[in-house]
PDB file of all heavy atoms in Angstrom:
ATOM      1  N   LEU A   1     -27.286  45.375 -41.921  1.00  0.00           N
ATOM      2  CA  LEU A   1     -28.364  44.517 -41.448  1.00  0.00           C
ATOM      3  C   LEU A   1     -28.388  43.268 -42.335  1.00  0.00           C
ATOM      4  O   LEU A   1     -28.674  43.371 -43.564  1.00  0.00           O
ATOM      5  CB  LEU A   1     -29.702  45.219 -41.470  1.00  0.00           C
ATOM      6  CG  LEU A   1     -29.762  46.608 -40.817  1.00  0.00           C
ATOM      7  CD1 LEU A   1     -31.074  47.256 -41.058  1.00  0.00           C
ATOM      8  CD2 LEU A   1     -29.455  46.438 -39.349  1.00  0.00           C
ATOM      9  N   LEU A   2     -28.121  42.079 -41.788  1.00  0.00           N
ATOM     10  CA  LEU A   2     -28.068  40.864 -42.563  1.00  0.00           C
ATOM     11  C   LEU A   2     -29.262  39.974 -42.289  1.00  0.00           C
ATOM     12  O   LEU A   2     -29.615  39.656 -41.109  1.00  0.00           O
ATOM     13  CB  LEU A   2     -26.788  40.090 -42.215  1.00  0.00           C
ATOM     14  CG  LEU A   2     -26.583  38.665 -42.789  1.00  0.00           C
ATOM     15  CD1 LEU A   2     -26.538  38.727 -44.302  1.00  0.00           C
ATOM     16  CD2 LEU A   2     -25.335  38.030 -42.194  1.00  0.00           C
ATOM     17  N   PHE A   3     -29.933  39.517 -43.366  1.00  0.00           N
ATOM     18  CA  PHE A   3     -31.129  38.724 -43.273  1.00  0.00           C
ATOM     19  C   PHE A   3     -30.915  37.441 -44.102  1.00  0.00           C
ATOM     20  O   PHE A   3     -30.218  37.468 -45.158  1.00  0.00           O
ATOM     21  CB  PHE A   3     -32.366  39.401 -43.757  1.00  0.00           C
ATOM     22  CG  PHE A   3     -32.695  40.646 -42.966  1.00  0.00           C
ATOM     23  CD1 PHE A   3     -32.101  41.839 -43.204  1.00  0.00           C
ATOM     24  CD2 PHE A   3     -33.684  40.568 -42.004  1.00  0.00           C
ATOM     25  CE1 PHE A   3     -32.384  42.995 -42.472  1.00  0.00           C
ATOM     26  CE2 PHE A   3     -33.971  41.647 -41.202  1.00  0.00           C
ATOM     27  CZ  PHE A   3     -33.354  42.877 -41.429  1.00  0.00           C
ATOM     28  N   GLY A   4     -31.520  36.345 -43.672  1.00  0.00           N
ATOM     29  CA  GLY A   4     -31.337  35.011 -44.389  1.00  0.00           C
ATOM     30  C   GLY A   4     -32.470  34.720 -45.301  1.00  0.00           C
ATOM     31  O   GLY A   4     -33.338  35.536 -45.588  1.00  0.00           O
ATOM     32  N   ARG A   5     -32.428  33.472 -45.825  1.00  0.00           N
ATOM     33  CA  ARG A   5     -33.409  32.969 -46.726  1.00  0.00           C
ATOM     34  C   ARG A   5     -34.828  32.901 -46.124  1.00  0.00           C
ATOM     35  O   ARG A   5     -34.993  32.738 -44.944  1.00  0.00           O
ATOM     36  CB  ARG A   5     -33.069  31.521 -47.091  1.00  0.00           C
ATOM     37  CG  ARG A   5     -31.765  31.291 -47.743  1.00  0.00           C
ATOM     38  CD  ARG A   5     -31.579  29.779 -47.969  1.00  0.00           C
ATOM     39  NE  ARG A   5     -30.221  29.510 -48.277  1.00  0.00           N
ATOM     40  CZ  ARG A   5     -29.422  28.769 -47.498  1.00  0.00           C
ATOM     41  NH1 ARG A   5     -29.832  28.289 -46.384  1.00  0.00           N
ATOM     42  NH2 ARG A   5     -28.134  28.582 -47.899  1.00  0.00           N
ATOM     43  N   GLU A   6     -35.796  33.031 -46.996  1.00  0.00           N
ATOM     44  CA  GLU A   6     -37.215  32.993 -46.529  1.00  0.00           C
ATOM     45  C   GLU A   6     -37.525  31.613 -45.955  1.00  0.00           C
ATOM     46  O   GLU A   6     -38.214  31.486 -44.941  1.00  0.00           O
ATOM     47  CB  GLU A   6     -38.184  33.249 -47.703  1.00  0.00           C
ATOM     48  CG  GLU A   6     -38.194  34.679 -48.146  1.00  0.00           C
ATOM     49  CD  GLU A   6     -37.205  35.005 -49.302  1.00  0.00           C
ATOM     50  OE1 GLU A   6     -36.264  34.216 -49.514  1.00  0.00           O
ATOM     51  OE2 GLU A   6     -37.456  35.940 -49.999  1.00  0.00           O
ATOM     52  N   SER A   7     -36.997  30.542 -46.575  1.00  0.00           N
ATOM     53  CA  SER A   7     -37.364  29.209 -46.114  1.00  0.00           C
ATOM     54  C   SER A   7     -36.602  28.712 -44.852  1.00  0.00           C
ATOM     55  O   SER A   7     -37.142  27.920 -44.117  1.00  0.00           O
ATOM     56  CB  SER A   7     -37.137  28.222 -47.242  1.00  0.00           C
ATOM     57  OG  SER A   7     -35.724  28.121 -47.527  1.00  0.00           O
ATOM     58  N   SER A   8     -35.371  29.177 -44.672  1.00  0.00           N
ATOM     59  CA  SER A   8     -34.580  28.605 -43.558  1.00  0.00           C
ATOM     60  C   SER A   8     -33.757  29.592 -42.828  1.00  0.00           C
ATOM     61  O   SER A   8     -33.003  29.188 -41.904  1.00  0.00           O
ATOM     62  CB  SER A   8     -33.697  27.535 -44.175  1.00  0.00           C
ATOM     63  OG  SER A   8     -32.878  28.054 -45.190  1.00  0.00           O
ATOM     64  N   GLY A   9     -33.836  30.856 -43.081  1.00  0.00           N
ATOM     65  CA  GLY A   9     -33.019  31.871 -42.366  1.00  0.00           C
ATOM     66  C   GLY A   9     -31.558  31.782 -42.737  1.00  0.00           C
ATOM     67  O   GLY A   9     -31.208  31.321 -43.865  1.00  0.00           O
ATOM     68  N   LEU A  10     -30.714  32.188 -41.836  1.00  0.00           N
ATOM     69  CA  LEU A  10     -29.255  32.101 -42.005  1.00  0.00           C
ATOM     70  C   LEU A  10     -28.788  30.716 -41.535  1.00  0.00           C
ATOM     71  O   LEU A  10     -29.107  30.318 -40.441  1.00  0.00           O
ATOM     72  CB  LEU A  10     -28.524  33.183 -41.215  1.00  0.00           C
ATOM     73  CG  LEU A  10     -28.837  34.610 -41.733  1.00  0.00           C
ATOM     74  CD1 LEU A  10     -28.374  35.628 -40.723  1.00  0.00           C
ATOM     75  CD2 LEU A  10     -28.072  34.814 -43.071  1.00  0.00           C
ATOM     76  N   PRO A  11     -27.924  30.052 -42.329  1.00  0.00           N
ATOM     77  CA  PRO A  11     -27.417  28.774 -41.885  1.00  0.00           C
ATOM     78  C   PRO A  11     -26.516  28.939 -40.694  1.00  0.00           C
ATOM     79  O   PRO A  11     -25.907  30.003 -40.497  1.00  0.00           O
ATOM     80  CB  PRO A  11     -26.686  28.256 -43.132  1.00  0.00           C
ATOM     81  CG  PRO A  11     -26.404  29.428 -43.966  1.00  0.00           C
ATOM     82  CD  PRO A  11     -27.458  30.441 -43.672  1.00  0.00           C
ATOM     83  N   PRO A  12     -26.242  27.889 -39.916  1.00  0.00           N
ATOM     84  CA  PRO A  12     -25.421  27.968 -38.762  1.00  0.00           C
ATOM     85  C   PRO A  12     -24.062  28.473 -39.048  1.00  0.00           C
ATOM     86  O   PRO A  12     -23.457  29.238 -38.281  1.00  0.00           O
ATOM     87  CB  PRO A  12     -25.320  26.489 -38.278  1.00  0.00           C
ATOM     88  CG  PRO A  12     -26.616  25.883 -38.718  1.00  0.00           C
ATOM     89  CD  PRO A  12     -26.926  26.530 -40.041  1.00  0.00           C
ATOM     90  N   TRP A  13     -23.404  28.148 -40.192  1.00  0.00           N
ATOM     91  CA  TRP A  13     -22.053  28.597 -40.506  1.00  0.00           C
ATOM     92  C   TRP A  13     -22.019  30.101 -40.613  1.00  0.00           C
ATOM     93  O   TRP A  13     -21.001  30.716 -40.227  1.00  0.00           O
ATOM     94  CB  TRP A  13     -21.434  27.895 -41.744  1.00  0.00           C
ATOM     95  CG  TRP A  13     -21.994  28.320 -43.073  1.00  0.00           C
ATOM     96  CD1 TRP A  13     -22.997  27.717 -43.777  1.00  0.00           C
ATOM     97  CD2 TRP A  13     -21.610  29.469 -43.858  1.00  0.00           C
ATOM     98  NE1 TRP A  13     -23.221  28.403 -44.948  1.00  0.00           N
ATOM     99  CE2 TRP A  13     -22.327  29.455 -45.079  1.00  0.00           C
ATOM    100  CE3 TRP A  13     -20.628  30.480 -43.663  1.00  0.00           C
ATOM    101  CZ2 TRP A  13     -22.191  30.467 -46.046  1.00  0.00           C
ATOM    102  CZ3 TRP A  13     -20.507  31.444 -44.658  1.00  0.00           C
ATOM    103  CH2 TRP A  13     -21.284  31.437 -45.761  1.00  0.00           C
ATOM    104  N   VAL A  14     -23.108  30.765 -41.117  1.00  0.00           N
ATOM    105  CA  VAL A  14     -23.135  32.200 -41.192  1.00  0.00           C
ATOM    106  C   VAL A  14     -23.242  32.796 -39.796  1.00  0.00           C
ATOM    107  O   VAL A  14     -22.556  33.701 -39.458  1.00  0.00           O
ATOM    108  CB  VAL A  14     -24.295  32.701 -42.141  1.00  0.00           C
ATOM    109  CG1 VAL A  14     -24.390  34.242 -42.041  1.00  0.00           C
ATOM    110  CG2 VAL A  14     -24.046  32.239 -43.545  1.00  0.00           C
ATOM    111  N   ARG A  15     -24.141  32.267 -38.986  1.00  0.00           N
ATOM    112  CA  ARG A  15     -24.312  32.761 -37.670  1.00  0.00           C
ATOM    113  C   ARG A  15     -23.043  32.596 -36.810  1.00  0.00           C
ATOM    114  O   ARG A  15     -22.666  33.472 -36.055  1.00  0.00           O
ATOM    115  CB  ARG A  15     -25.499  32.058 -36.961  1.00  0.00           C
ATOM    116  CG  ARG A  15     -26.834  32.392 -37.582  1.00  0.00           C
ATOM    117  CD  ARG A  15     -28.025  31.933 -36.822  1.00  0.00           C
ATOM    118  NE  ARG A  15     -27.946  30.534 -36.300  1.00  0.00           N
ATOM    119  CZ  ARG A  15     -28.419  29.457 -36.883  1.00  0.00           C
ATOM    120  NH1 ARG A  15     -29.080  29.513 -38.059  1.00  0.00           N
ATOM    121  NH2 ARG A  15     -28.327  28.286 -36.263  1.00  0.00           N
ATOM    122  N   ASP A  16     -22.318  31.463 -37.055  1.00  0.00           N
ATOM    123  CA  ASP A  16     -21.107  31.225 -36.372  1.00  0.00           C
ATOM    124  C   ASP A  16     -19.955  32.157 -36.825  1.00  0.00           C
ATOM    125  O   ASP A  16     -19.092  32.581 -36.085  1.00  0.00           O
ATOM    126  CB  ASP A  16     -20.642  29.770 -36.517  1.00  0.00           C
ATOM    127  CG  ASP A  16     -21.530  28.774 -35.859  1.00  0.00           C
ATOM    128  OD1 ASP A  16     -22.434  29.182 -35.020  1.00  0.00           O
ATOM    129  OD2 ASP A  16     -21.510  27.576 -36.186  1.00  0.00           O
ATOM    130  N   ARG A  17     -19.979  32.519 -38.084  1.00  0.00           N
ATOM    131  CA  ARG A  17     -19.027  33.358 -38.699  1.00  0.00           C
ATOM    132  C   ARG A  17     -19.122  34.781 -38.111  1.00  0.00           C
ATOM    133  O   ARG A  17     -18.196  35.540 -37.958  1.00  0.00           O
ATOM    134  CB  ARG A  17     -19.180  33.397 -40.205  1.00  0.00           C
ATOM    135  CG  ARG A  17     -18.469  34.506 -40.973  1.00  0.00           C
ATOM    136  CD  ARG A  17     -17.090  34.076 -41.367  1.00  0.00           C
ATOM    137  NE  ARG A  17     -16.431  34.887 -42.368  1.00  0.00           N
ATOM    138  CZ  ARG A  17     -16.114  36.135 -42.240  1.00  0.00           C
ATOM    139  NH1 ARG A  17     -16.312  36.818 -41.155  1.00  0.00           N
ATOM    140  NH2 ARG A  17     -15.473  36.792 -43.260  1.00  0.00           N
ATOM    141  N   LEU A  18     -20.373  35.122 -37.774  1.00  0.00           N
ATOM    142  CA  LEU A  18     -20.645  36.465 -37.200  1.00  0.00           C
ATOM    143  C   LEU A  18     -21.373  36.264 -35.807  1.00  0.00           C
ATOM    144  O   LEU A  18     -22.540  36.460 -35.662  1.00  0.00           O
ATOM    145  CB  LEU A  18     -21.609  37.254 -38.128  1.00  0.00           C
ATOM    146  CG  LEU A  18     -21.040  37.456 -39.578  1.00  0.00           C
ATOM    147  CD1 LEU A  18     -22.133  37.810 -40.522  1.00  0.00           C
ATOM    148  CD2 LEU A  18     -19.975  38.551 -39.505  1.00  0.00           C
ATOM    149  N   PRO A  19     -20.566  35.928 -34.800  1.00  0.00           N
ATOM    150  CA  PRO A  19     -21.164  35.500 -33.564  1.00  0.00           C
ATOM    151  C   PRO A  19     -21.785  36.661 -32.686  1.00  0.00           C
ATOM    152  O   PRO A  19     -22.520  36.428 -31.717  1.00  0.00           O
ATOM    153  CB  PRO A  19     -20.050  34.853 -32.790  1.00  0.00           C
ATOM    154  CG  PRO A  19     -18.840  35.499 -33.329  1.00  0.00           C
ATOM    155  CD  PRO A  19     -19.153  35.782 -34.759  1.00  0.00           C
ATOM    156  N   GLU A  20     -21.400  37.906 -33.048  1.00  0.00           N
ATOM    157  CA  GLU A  20     -21.904  39.027 -32.218  1.00  0.00           C
ATOM    158  C   GLU A  20     -23.082  39.736 -32.946  1.00  0.00           C
ATOM    159  O   GLU A  20     -23.301  39.558 -34.064  1.00  0.00           O
ATOM    160  CB  GLU A  20     -20.770  40.051 -32.021  1.00  0.00           C
ATOM    161  CG  GLU A  20     -19.590  39.480 -31.248  1.00  0.00           C
ATOM    162  CD  GLU A  20     -18.465  40.402 -31.059  1.00  0.00           C
ATOM    163  OE1 GLU A  20     -18.643  41.661 -31.293  1.00  0.00           O
ATOM    164  OE2 GLU A  20     -17.321  40.008 -30.659  1.00  0.00           O
ATOM    165  N   ASN A  21     -23.775  40.551 -32.163  1.00  0.00           N
ATOM    166  CA  ASN A  21     -24.829  41.421 -32.678  1.00  0.00           C
ATOM    167  C   ASN A  21     -25.968  40.634 -33.330  1.00  0.00           C
ATOM    168  O   ASN A  21     -26.463  41.032 -34.410  1.00  0.00           O
ATOM    169  CB  ASN A  21     -24.273  42.399 -33.638  1.00  0.00           C
ATOM    170  CG  ASN A  21     -23.150  43.290 -33.018  1.00  0.00           C
ATOM    171  OD1 ASN A  21     -23.291  43.642 -31.818  1.00  0.00           O
ATOM    172  ND2 ASN A  21     -22.069  43.456 -33.678  1.00  0.00           N
ATOM    173  N   HIS A  22     -26.421  39.558 -32.729  1.00  0.00           N
ATOM    174  CA  HIS A  22     -27.599  38.831 -33.192  1.00  0.00           C
ATOM    175  C   HIS A  22     -28.812  39.488 -32.660  1.00  0.00           C
ATOM    176  O   HIS A  22     -28.861  39.778 -31.425  1.00  0.00           O
ATOM    177  CB  HIS A  22     -27.536  37.373 -32.827  1.00  0.00           C
ATOM    178  CG  HIS A  22     -26.432  36.599 -33.513  1.00  0.00           C
ATOM    179  ND1 HIS A  22     -26.546  35.225 -33.647  1.00  0.00           N
ATOM    180  CD2 HIS A  22     -25.327  36.956 -34.220  1.00  0.00           C
ATOM    181  CE1 HIS A  22     -25.515  34.766 -34.340  1.00  0.00           C
ATOM    182  NE2 HIS A  22     -24.780  35.787 -34.690  1.00  0.00           N
ATOM    183  N   ILE A  23     -29.786  39.697 -33.436  1.00  0.00           N
ATOM    184  CA  ILE A  23     -31.022  40.336 -33.056  1.00  0.00           C
ATOM    185  C   ILE A  23     -32.252  39.512 -33.611  1.00  0.00           C
ATOM    186  O   ILE A  23     -32.126  38.829 -34.657  1.00  0.00           O
ATOM    187  CB  ILE A  23     -31.131  41.839 -33.532  1.00  0.00           C
ATOM    188  CG1 ILE A  23     -30.909  41.885 -35.058  1.00  0.00           C
ATOM    189  CG2 ILE A  23     -30.120  42.677 -32.775  1.00  0.00           C
ATOM    190  CD1 ILE A  23     -31.108  43.301 -35.598  1.00  0.00           C
ATOM    191  N   ARG A  24     -33.308  39.701 -32.948  1.00  0.00           N
ATOM    192  CA  ARG A  24     -34.535  39.008 -33.374  1.00  0.00           C
ATOM    193  C   ARG A  24     -35.745  39.919 -33.217  1.00  0.00           C
ATOM    194  O   ARG A  24     -35.687  40.924 -32.474  1.00  0.00           O
ATOM    195  CB  ARG A  24     -34.822  37.726 -32.554  1.00  0.00           C
ATOM    196  CG  ARG A  24     -35.149  37.952 -31.113  1.00  0.00           C
ATOM    197  CD  ARG A  24     -35.358  36.710 -30.280  1.00  0.00           C
ATOM    198  NE  ARG A  24     -36.671  36.170 -30.655  1.00  0.00           N
ATOM    199  CZ  ARG A  24     -36.929  34.959 -31.089  1.00  0.00           C
ATOM    200  NH1 ARG A  24     -35.972  34.047 -31.158  1.00  0.00           N
ATOM    201  NH2 ARG A  24     -38.085  34.578 -31.448  1.00  0.00           N
ATOM    202  N   ILE A  25     -36.796  39.618 -33.902  1.00  0.00           N
ATOM    203  CA  ILE A  25     -38.067  40.322 -33.824  1.00  0.00           C
ATOM    204  C   ILE A  25     -38.971  39.451 -32.884  1.00  0.00           C
ATOM    205  O   ILE A  25     -39.212  38.308 -33.242  1.00  0.00           O
ATOM    206  CB  ILE A  25     -38.736  40.558 -35.198  1.00  0.00           C
ATOM    207  CG1 ILE A  25     -37.818  41.404 -36.047  1.00  0.00           C
ATOM    208  CG2 ILE A  25     -40.092  41.185 -35.055  1.00  0.00           C
ATOM    209  CD1 ILE A  25     -38.262  41.483 -37.505  1.00  0.00           C
ATOM    210  N   PRO A  26     -39.366  39.982 -31.706  1.00  0.00           N
ATOM    211  CA  PRO A  26     -40.243  39.239 -30.818  1.00  0.00           C
ATOM    212  C   PRO A  26     -41.563  38.847 -31.559  1.00  0.00           C
ATOM    213  O   PRO A  26     -42.177  39.634 -32.280  1.00  0.00           O
ATOM    214  CB  PRO A  26     -40.471  40.142 -29.683  1.00  0.00           C
ATOM    215  CG  PRO A  26     -39.358  41.173 -29.725  1.00  0.00           C
ATOM    216  CD  PRO A  26     -39.057  41.359 -31.163  1.00  0.00           C
ATOM    217  N   MET A  27     -41.959  37.589 -31.303  1.00  0.00           N
ATOM    218  CA  MET A  27     -43.247  37.133 -31.913  1.00  0.00           C
ATOM    219  C   MET A  27     -43.694  35.875 -31.105  1.00  0.00           C
ATOM    220  O   MET A  27     -42.910  35.322 -30.309  1.00  0.00           O
ATOM    221  CB  MET A  27     -43.060  36.788 -33.377  1.00  0.00           C
ATOM    222  CG  MET A  27     -42.103  35.609 -33.640  1.00  0.00           C
ATOM    223  SD  MET A  27     -41.797  35.372 -35.388  1.00  0.00           S
ATOM    224  CE  MET A  27     -40.322  36.376 -35.554  1.00  0.00           C
ATOM    225  N   LEU A  28     -44.926  35.505 -31.313  1.00  0.00           N
ATOM    226  CA  LEU A  28     -45.425  34.291 -30.716  1.00  0.00           C
ATOM    227  C   LEU A  28     -44.745  33.054 -31.294  1.00  0.00           C
ATOM    228  O   LEU A  28     -44.345  33.098 -32.502  1.00  0.00           O
ATOM    229  CB  LEU A  28     -46.954  34.121 -30.912  1.00  0.00           C
ATOM    230  CG  LEU A  28     -47.793  35.124 -30.154  1.00  0.00           C
ATOM    231  CD1 LEU A  28     -49.219  34.995 -30.569  1.00  0.00           C
ATOM    232  CD2 LEU A  28     -47.635  34.951 -28.669  1.00  0.00           C
ATOM    233  N   PRO A  29     -44.559  31.993 -30.588  1.00  0.00           N
ATOM    234  CA  PRO A  29     -43.869  30.809 -31.061  1.00  0.00           C
ATOM    235  C   PRO A  29     -44.689  29.913 -31.892  1.00  0.00           C
ATOM    236  O   PRO A  29     -44.526  28.683 -31.940  1.00  0.00           O
ATOM    237  CB  PRO A  29     -43.378  30.155 -29.832  1.00  0.00           C
ATOM    238  CG  PRO A  29     -44.410  30.487 -28.763  1.00  0.00           C
ATOM    239  CD  PRO A  29     -44.812  31.910 -29.119  1.00  0.00           C
ATOM    240  N   ILE A  30     -45.717  30.447 -32.584  1.00  0.00           N
ATOM    241  CA  ILE A  30     -46.643  29.623 -33.420  1.00  0.00           C
ATOM    242  C   ILE A  30     -46.213  29.579 -34.886  1.00  0.00           C
ATOM    243  O   ILE A  30     -46.767  28.809 -35.632  1.00  0.00           O
ATOM    244  CB  ILE A  30     -48.075  30.133 -33.307  1.00  0.00           C
ATOM    245  CG1 ILE A  30     -48.189  31.587 -33.786  1.00  0.00           C
ATOM    246  CG2 ILE A  30     -48.609  29.951 -31.884  1.00  0.00           C
ATOM    247  CD1 ILE A  30     -49.566  32.104 -33.848  1.00  0.00           C
ATOM    248  N   GLY A  31     -45.253  30.396 -35.217  1.00  0.00           N
ATOM    249  CA  GLY A  31     -44.776  30.374 -36.620  1.00  0.00           C
ATOM    250  C   GLY A  31     -43.279  30.372 -36.690  1.00  0.00           C
ATOM    251  O   GLY A  31     -42.607  30.705 -35.733  1.00  0.00           O
ATOM    252  N   ARG A  32     -42.748  30.128 -37.820  1.00  0.00           N
ATOM    253  CA  ARG A  32     -41.247  30.135 -37.994  1.00  0.00           C
ATOM    254  C   ARG A  32     -40.641  31.490 -37.966  1.00  0.00           C
ATOM    255  O   ARG A  32     -39.688  31.763 -37.324  1.00  0.00           O
ATOM    256  CB  ARG A  32     -40.896  29.382 -39.347  1.00  0.00           C
ATOM    257  CG  ARG A  32     -39.462  29.243 -39.584  1.00  0.00           C
ATOM    258  CD  ARG A  32     -39.169  28.458 -40.856  1.00  0.00           C
ATOM    259  NE  ARG A  32     -39.699  29.139 -42.030  1.00  0.00           N
ATOM    260  CZ  ARG A  32     -40.558  28.531 -42.860  1.00  0.00           C
ATOM    261  NH1 ARG A  32     -41.025  27.357 -42.705  1.00  0.00           N
ATOM    262  NH2 ARG A  32     -41.086  29.223 -43.911  1.00  0.00           N
ATOM    263  N   SER A  33     -41.267  32.403 -38.749  1.00  0.00           N
ATOM    264  CA  SER A  33     -40.722  33.743 -38.747  1.00  0.00           C
ATOM    265  C   SER A  33     -41.699  34.708 -39.485  1.00  0.00           C
ATOM    266  O   SER A  33     -42.666  34.234 -40.155  1.00  0.00           O
ATOM    267  CB  SER A  33     -39.367  33.834 -39.496  1.00  0.00           C
ATOM    268  OG  SER A  33     -39.544  33.463 -40.818  1.00  0.00           O
ATOM    269  N   LEU A  34     -41.421  35.984 -39.473  1.00  0.00           N
ATOM    270  CA  LEU A  34     -42.226  36.938 -40.239  1.00  0.00           C
ATOM    271  C   LEU A  34     -41.803  36.915 -41.671  1.00  0.00           C
ATOM    272  O   LEU A  34     -40.685  36.361 -42.015  1.00  0.00           O
ATOM    273  CB  LEU A  34     -41.997  38.315 -39.742  1.00  0.00           C
ATOM    274  CG  LEU A  34     -42.556  38.651 -38.378  1.00  0.00           C
ATOM    275  CD1 LEU A  34     -42.108  40.068 -37.908  1.00  0.00           C
ATOM    276  CD2 LEU A  34     -44.052  38.605 -38.336  1.00  0.00           C
ATOM    277  N   ASN A  35     -42.625  37.441 -42.551  1.00  0.00           N
ATOM    278  CA  ASN A  35     -42.226  37.587 -43.951  1.00  0.00           C
ATOM    279  C   ASN A  35     -40.987  38.408 -44.032  1.00  0.00           C
ATOM    280  O   ASN A  35     -40.814  39.374 -43.328  1.00  0.00           O
ATOM    281  CB  ASN A  35     -43.397  38.335 -44.698  1.00  0.00           C
ATOM    282  CG  ASN A  35     -43.072  38.679 -46.069  1.00  0.00           C
ATOM    283  OD1 ASN A  35     -42.404  39.650 -46.339  1.00  0.00           O
ATOM    284  ND2 ASN A  35     -43.451  37.822 -47.013  1.00  0.00           N
ATOM    285  N   LEU A  36     -40.045  38.057 -44.926  1.00  0.00           N
ATOM    286  CA  LEU A  36     -38.725  38.683 -45.030  1.00  0.00           C
ATOM    287  C   LEU A  36     -38.883  40.160 -45.276  1.00  0.00           C
ATOM    288  O   LEU A  36     -38.153  40.972 -44.634  1.00  0.00           O
ATOM    289  CB  LEU A  36     -37.935  38.042 -46.122  1.00  0.00           C
ATOM    290  CG  LEU A  36     -36.552  38.609 -46.373  1.00  0.00           C
ATOM    291  CD1 LEU A  36     -35.672  38.520 -45.070  1.00  0.00           C
ATOM    292  CD2 LEU A  36     -35.869  37.941 -47.533  1.00  0.00           C
ATOM    293  N   SER A  37     -39.747  40.562 -46.197  1.00  0.00           N
ATOM    294  CA  SER A  37     -39.845  42.023 -46.510  1.00  0.00           C
ATOM    295  C   SER A  37     -40.362  42.804 -45.310  1.00  0.00           C
ATOM    296  O   SER A  37     -39.934  43.897 -45.060  1.00  0.00           O
ATOM    297  CB  SER A  37     -40.662  42.298 -47.765  1.00  0.00           C
ATOM    298  OG  SER A  37     -41.955  41.874 -47.623  1.00  0.00           O
ATOM    299  N   ASN A  38     -41.303  42.185 -44.507  1.00  0.00           N
ATOM    300  CA  ASN A  38     -41.775  42.842 -43.357  1.00  0.00           C
ATOM    301  C   ASN A  38     -40.649  42.918 -42.263  1.00  0.00           C
ATOM    302  O   ASN A  38     -40.479  43.929 -41.607  1.00  0.00           O
ATOM    303  CB  ASN A  38     -42.958  42.077 -42.773  1.00  0.00           C
ATOM    304  CG  ASN A  38     -44.198  42.157 -43.570  1.00  0.00           C
ATOM    305  OD1 ASN A  38     -44.326  43.016 -44.409  1.00  0.00           O
ATOM    306  ND2 ASN A  38     -45.084  41.164 -43.448  1.00  0.00           N
ATOM    307  N   ALA A  39     -39.868  41.841 -42.129  1.00  0.00           N
ATOM    308  CA  ALA A  39     -38.781  41.842 -41.152  1.00  0.00           C
ATOM    309  C   ALA A  39     -37.762  42.926 -41.471  1.00  0.00           C
ATOM    310  O   ALA A  39     -37.295  43.644 -40.622  1.00  0.00           O
ATOM    311  CB  ALA A  39     -38.091  40.453 -41.075  1.00  0.00           C
ATOM    312  N   VAL A  40     -37.390  43.087 -42.747  1.00  0.00           N
ATOM    313  CA  VAL A  40     -36.404  44.028 -43.178  1.00  0.00           C
ATOM    314  C   VAL A  40     -36.940  45.400 -42.831  1.00  0.00           C
ATOM    315  O   VAL A  40     -36.251  46.275 -42.286  1.00  0.00           O
ATOM    316  CB  VAL A  40     -36.076  43.932 -44.630  1.00  0.00           C
ATOM    317  CG1 VAL A  40     -35.279  45.151 -45.088  1.00  0.00           C
ATOM    318  CG2 VAL A  40     -35.248  42.648 -44.899  1.00  0.00           C
ATOM    319  N   ALA A  41     -38.218  45.678 -43.155  1.00  0.00           N
ATOM    320  CA  ALA A  41     -38.806  46.977 -42.909  1.00  0.00           C
ATOM    321  C   ALA A  41     -38.848  47.339 -41.442  1.00  0.00           C
ATOM    322  O   ALA A  41     -38.486  48.452 -41.074  1.00  0.00           O
ATOM    323  CB  ALA A  41     -40.209  47.089 -43.504  1.00  0.00           C
ATOM    324  N   ILE A  42     -39.173  46.338 -40.670  1.00  0.00           N
ATOM    325  CA  ILE A  42     -39.256  46.623 -39.123  1.00  0.00           C
ATOM    326  C   ILE A  42     -37.845  47.016 -38.633  1.00  0.00           C
ATOM    327  O   ILE A  42     -37.700  48.053 -37.921  1.00  0.00           O
ATOM    328  CB  ILE A  42     -39.758  45.388 -38.390  1.00  0.00           C
ATOM    329  CG1 ILE A  42     -41.292  45.191 -38.702  1.00  0.00           C
ATOM    330  CG2 ILE A  42     -39.494  45.440 -36.937  1.00  0.00           C
ATOM    331  CD1 ILE A  42     -41.805  43.861 -38.293  1.00  0.00           C
ATOM    332  N   VAL A  43     -36.890  46.251 -38.951  1.00  0.00           N
ATOM    333  CA  VAL A  43     -35.526  46.469 -38.373  1.00  0.00           C
ATOM    334  C   VAL A  43     -34.859  47.698 -39.061  1.00  0.00           C
ATOM    335  O   VAL A  43     -34.299  48.538 -38.318  1.00  0.00           O
ATOM    336  CB  VAL A  43     -34.654  45.225 -38.555  1.00  0.00           C
ATOM    337  CG1 VAL A  43     -33.207  45.489 -38.080  1.00  0.00           C
ATOM    338  CG2 VAL A  43     -35.209  44.027 -37.789  1.00  0.00           C
TER     339      VAL A  43
END
């Protein structure tokens, strides 16, 4: 399970390097993302 930086997530070159098996945590579009430690625990 690969997670990115708190401030900016995974850069495009990492996502492009690993084009398969992208997953997200559903949320309202009012924030950038969940706290990293919460996201890791959920997944």
